[in-house]
Amino acid sequence: MLADFSSLIAATTRWLACAYPPGGGALAAALCEAQARQAVTVAAWLRYPTPMDAALVSLAGPGGSARLDWITGADAGESGEDGSGWRTWVDEVVVSWAACLLTDPVLAARGVAAATKAEYAPVTPLGFRRLTDPDAHDHQAAALLRHPDLLAPVAALHRSDLLDRLGLTA
């Protein structure tokens, strides 16, 4: 997989984990990030199913997080050593699709099944258990990340496109 495509996955995961933070402790943060990363990976594979698609988004850029920040009220003025340049690698459609997957277990299972058909995806969907079959610790750690009401404005942005991609009606 292209290194730039992994940058999109990393930045989009970071945005989700920052916008919908975990509840308490390092373990909760790790579990929340793992669930966000799995949802983002599946959404990215669905959105960019071929190496050519991934290369094109690497050249053109995914668009950034400005609209998502505005919708959610996320703080784009984050300070720190690396600033907020990573936000330019956030993909709005991938965030929206990931939000849909995080809040609907049936849709998540269908998404994983479809995403594993991407040309560069692994053959087996076994690595997505935290997304498709979260346990009590996963739910507790990612209570905000999986809350349908909180994610509704983001999920609604591109939900119909995800349903179309999965061959479902909107």
Protein backbone atom coordinates (compact mmCIF):
# COMPACT_ATOMS: atom_id res chain seq x y z
CA MET A 1 0.00 0.00 0.00
CA LEU A 2 1.24 3.51 -0.73
CA ALA A 3 2.80 5.37 2.18
CA ASP A 4 0.72 8.46 1.38
CA PHE A 5 -2.47 6.40 1.61
CA SER A 6 -1.47 5.28 5.08
CA SER A 7 -1.08 8.98 5.93
CA LEU A 8 -4.72 9.49 4.99
CA ILE A 9 -5.75 6.58 7.24
CA ALA A 10 -3.61 7.84 10.12
CA ALA A 11 -4.84 11.44 9.91
CA THR A 12 -8.48 10.45 9.50
CA THR A 13 -8.20 8.07 12.47
CA ARG A 14 -6.60 10.83 14.54
CA TRP A 15 -9.39 13.23 13.65
CA LEU A 16 -12.08 10.77 14.74
CA ALA A 17 -10.28 9.95 17.99
CA CYS A 18 -9.85 13.66 18.77
CA ALA A 19 -13.40 14.65 17.84
CA TYR A 20 -14.93 11.76 19.82
CA PRO A 21 -12.41 11.13 22.61
CA PRO A 22 -12.26 8.02 24.78
CA GLY A 23 -13.50 7.85 28.32
CA GLY A 24 -10.55 7.50 30.69
CA GLY A 25 -7.05 6.09 30.71
CA ALA A 26 -4.45 4.82 28.31
CA LEU A 27 -6.21 1.50 27.67
CA ALA A 28 -9.43 3.28 26.74
CA ALA A 29 -7.49 5.58 24.41
CA ALA A 30 -5.85 2.59 22.71
CA LEU A 31 -9.16 0.73 22.33
CA CYS A 32 -10.89 3.83 20.97
CA GLU A 33 -8.11 4.46 18.48
CA ALA A 34 -8.12 0.81 17.38
CA GLN A 35 -11.84 0.97 16.65
CA ALA A 36 -11.49 4.27 14.81
CA ARG A 37 -8.55 2.91 12.77
CA GLN A 38 -10.48 -0.22 11.79
CA ALA A 39 -13.50 1.81 10.71
CA VAL A 40 -11.34 4.29 8.80
CA THR A 41 -9.37 1.50 7.10
CA VAL A 42 -12.53 -0.23 5.92
CA ALA A 43 -14.03 3.09 4.77
CA ALA A 44 -10.82 4.02 2.92
CA TRP A 45 -10.64 0.64 1.18
CA LEU A 46 -14.27 1.06 0.12
CA ARG A 47 -13.68 4.62 -1.06
CA TYR A 48 -10.39 3.87 -2.85
CA PRO A 49 -10.61 0.18 -3.89
CA THR A 50 -7.69 0.10 -6.35
CA PRO A 51 -4.03 1.13 -6.11
CA MET A 52 -4.77 3.72 -8.81
CA ASP A 53 -7.53 5.25 -6.66
CA ALA A 54 -5.12 5.41 -3.72
CA ALA A 55 -2.43 7.01 -5.91
CA LEU A 56 -4.86 9.62 -7.23
CA VAL A 57 -5.96 10.67 -3.76
CA SER A 58 -2.30 10.88 -2.78
CA LEU A 59 -1.68 13.28 -5.67
CA ALA A 60 -4.84 15.36 -5.39
CA GLY A 61 -5.15 15.27 -1.61
CA PRO A 62 -8.18 14.20 0.40
CA GLY A 63 -9.51 17.69 1.17
CA GLY A 64 -8.86 18.19 4.87
CA SER A 65 -10.98 18.48 7.97
CA ALA A 66 -12.27 22.08 7.81
CA ARG A 67 -15.91 21.20 7.11
CA LEU A 68 -15.88 18.38 9.66
CA ASP A 69 -14.35 20.69 12.27
CA TRP A 70 -17.09 23.20 11.64
CA ILE A 71 -19.90 20.60 11.82
CA THR A 72 -18.64 19.02 15.04
CA GLY A 73 -17.18 22.10 16.67
CA ALA A 74 -13.81 20.31 16.88
CA ASP A 75 -10.89 22.48 17.86
CA ALA A 76 -8.79 23.03 14.75
CA GLY A 77 -6.49 25.36 16.66
CA GLU A 78 -4.59 22.49 18.26
CA SER A 79 -1.14 23.52 19.37
CA GLY A 80 1.92 21.38 19.65
CA GLU A 81 5.14 20.46 17.93
CA ASP A 82 3.52 19.16 14.78
CA GLY A 83 0.82 21.82 14.61
CA SER A 84 -2.27 20.87 12.69
CA GLY A 85 -0.83 20.09 9.26
CA TRP A 86 -2.02 16.50 9.63
CA ARG A 87 -5.59 17.82 9.26
CA THR A 88 -5.00 18.35 5.54
CA TRP A 89 -4.81 14.54 5.16
CA VAL A 90 -8.27 13.98 6.67
CA ASP A 91 -10.79 12.66 4.14
CA GLU A 92 -14.35 13.86 4.81
CA VAL A 93 -16.01 11.01 2.93
CA VAL A 94 -13.90 8.41 4.74
CA VAL A 95 -14.78 10.00 8.11
CA SER A 96 -18.47 9.96 7.21
CA TRP A 97 -18.36 6.34 6.07
CA ALA A 98 -16.39 5.33 9.17
CA ALA A 99 -19.03 7.04 11.33
CA CYS A 100 -21.72 5.01 9.58
CA LEU A 101 -19.78 1.79 10.18
CA LEU A 102 -19.14 2.59 13.85
CA THR A 103 -22.81 3.17 14.59
CA ASP A 104 -24.35 0.28 12.64
CA PRO A 105 -23.02 -3.27 13.27
CA VAL A 106 -24.83 -4.75 10.28
CA LEU A 107 -23.45 -2.09 7.97
CA ALA A 108 -19.98 -2.62 9.49
CA ALA A 109 -20.10 -6.35 8.70
CA ARG A 110 -21.21 -5.66 5.12
CA GLY A 111 -18.56 -2.98 4.77
CA VAL A 112 -15.78 -5.29 5.93
CA ALA A 113 -16.95 -8.02 3.55
CA ALA A 114 -16.96 -5.57 0.63
CA ALA A 115 -13.72 -3.80 1.59
CA THR A 116 -11.71 -6.99 1.66
CA LYS A 117 -12.29 -7.18 -2.09
CA ALA A 118 -10.09 -4.10 -2.64
CA GLU A 119 -7.07 -5.00 -4.76
CA TYR A 120 -4.58 -4.34 -1.96
CA ALA A 121 -6.70 -5.51 0.98
CA PRO A 122 -5.89 -8.69 2.87
CA VAL A 123 -7.80 -11.82 1.96
CA THR A 124 -9.44 -12.22 5.38
CA PRO A 125 -11.56 -9.78 7.41
CA LEU A 126 -10.39 -11.26 10.74
CA GLY A 127 -8.52 -8.09 11.70
CA PHE A 128 -11.70 -6.06 12.14
CA ARG A 129 -13.23 -7.65 15.23
CA ARG A 130 -13.22 -4.42 17.26
CA LEU A 131 -15.32 -2.82 14.53
CA THR A 132 -17.72 -5.67 13.77
CA ASP A 133 -17.96 -7.39 17.15
CA PRO A 134 -16.88 -4.99 19.91
CA ASP A 135 -16.89 -6.29 23.47
CA ALA A 136 -17.95 -4.41 26.61
CA HIS A 137 -14.50 -2.82 27.02
CA ASP A 138 -14.57 -1.58 23.43
CA HIS A 139 -18.01 -0.04 23.91
CA GLN A 140 -17.02 1.60 27.18
CA ALA A 141 -13.77 3.01 25.77
CA ALA A 142 -15.44 4.39 22.64
CA ALA A 143 -18.79 5.48 24.03
CA LEU A 144 -18.64 8.83 22.20
CA LEU A 145 -17.11 7.34 19.05
CA ARG A 146 -19.97 4.85 18.70
CA HIS A 147 -22.84 7.08 19.85
CA PRO A 148 -25.31 7.28 16.94
CA ASP A 149 -26.73 10.66 17.95
CA LEU A 150 -23.32 12.28 18.28
CA LEU A 151 -22.06 10.88 14.98
CA ALA A 152 -25.31 11.52 13.08
CA PRO A 153 -24.30 14.88 11.54
CA VAL A 154 -21.04 13.42 10.23
CA ALA A 155 -22.51 10.07 9.16
CA ALA A 156 -25.32 11.82 7.26
CA LEU A 157 -22.87 13.72 5.03
CA HIS A 158 -22.10 10.78 2.74
CA ARG A 159 -24.21 7.87 4.04
CA SER A 160 -26.13 7.51 0.76
CA ASP A 161 -22.85 7.15 -1.15
CA LEU A 162 -21.75 4.37 1.22
CA LEU A 163 -25.07 2.58 0.80
CA ASP A 164 -24.67 2.86 -2.97
CA ARG A 165 -21.13 1.50 -2.79
CA LEU A 166 -22.40 -1.48 -0.78
CA GLY A 167 -25.30 -2.06 -3.16
CA LEU A 168 -27.93 -1.08 -0.59
CA THR A 169 -30.77 1.38 -1.03
CA ALA A 170 -30.63 4.69 0.80
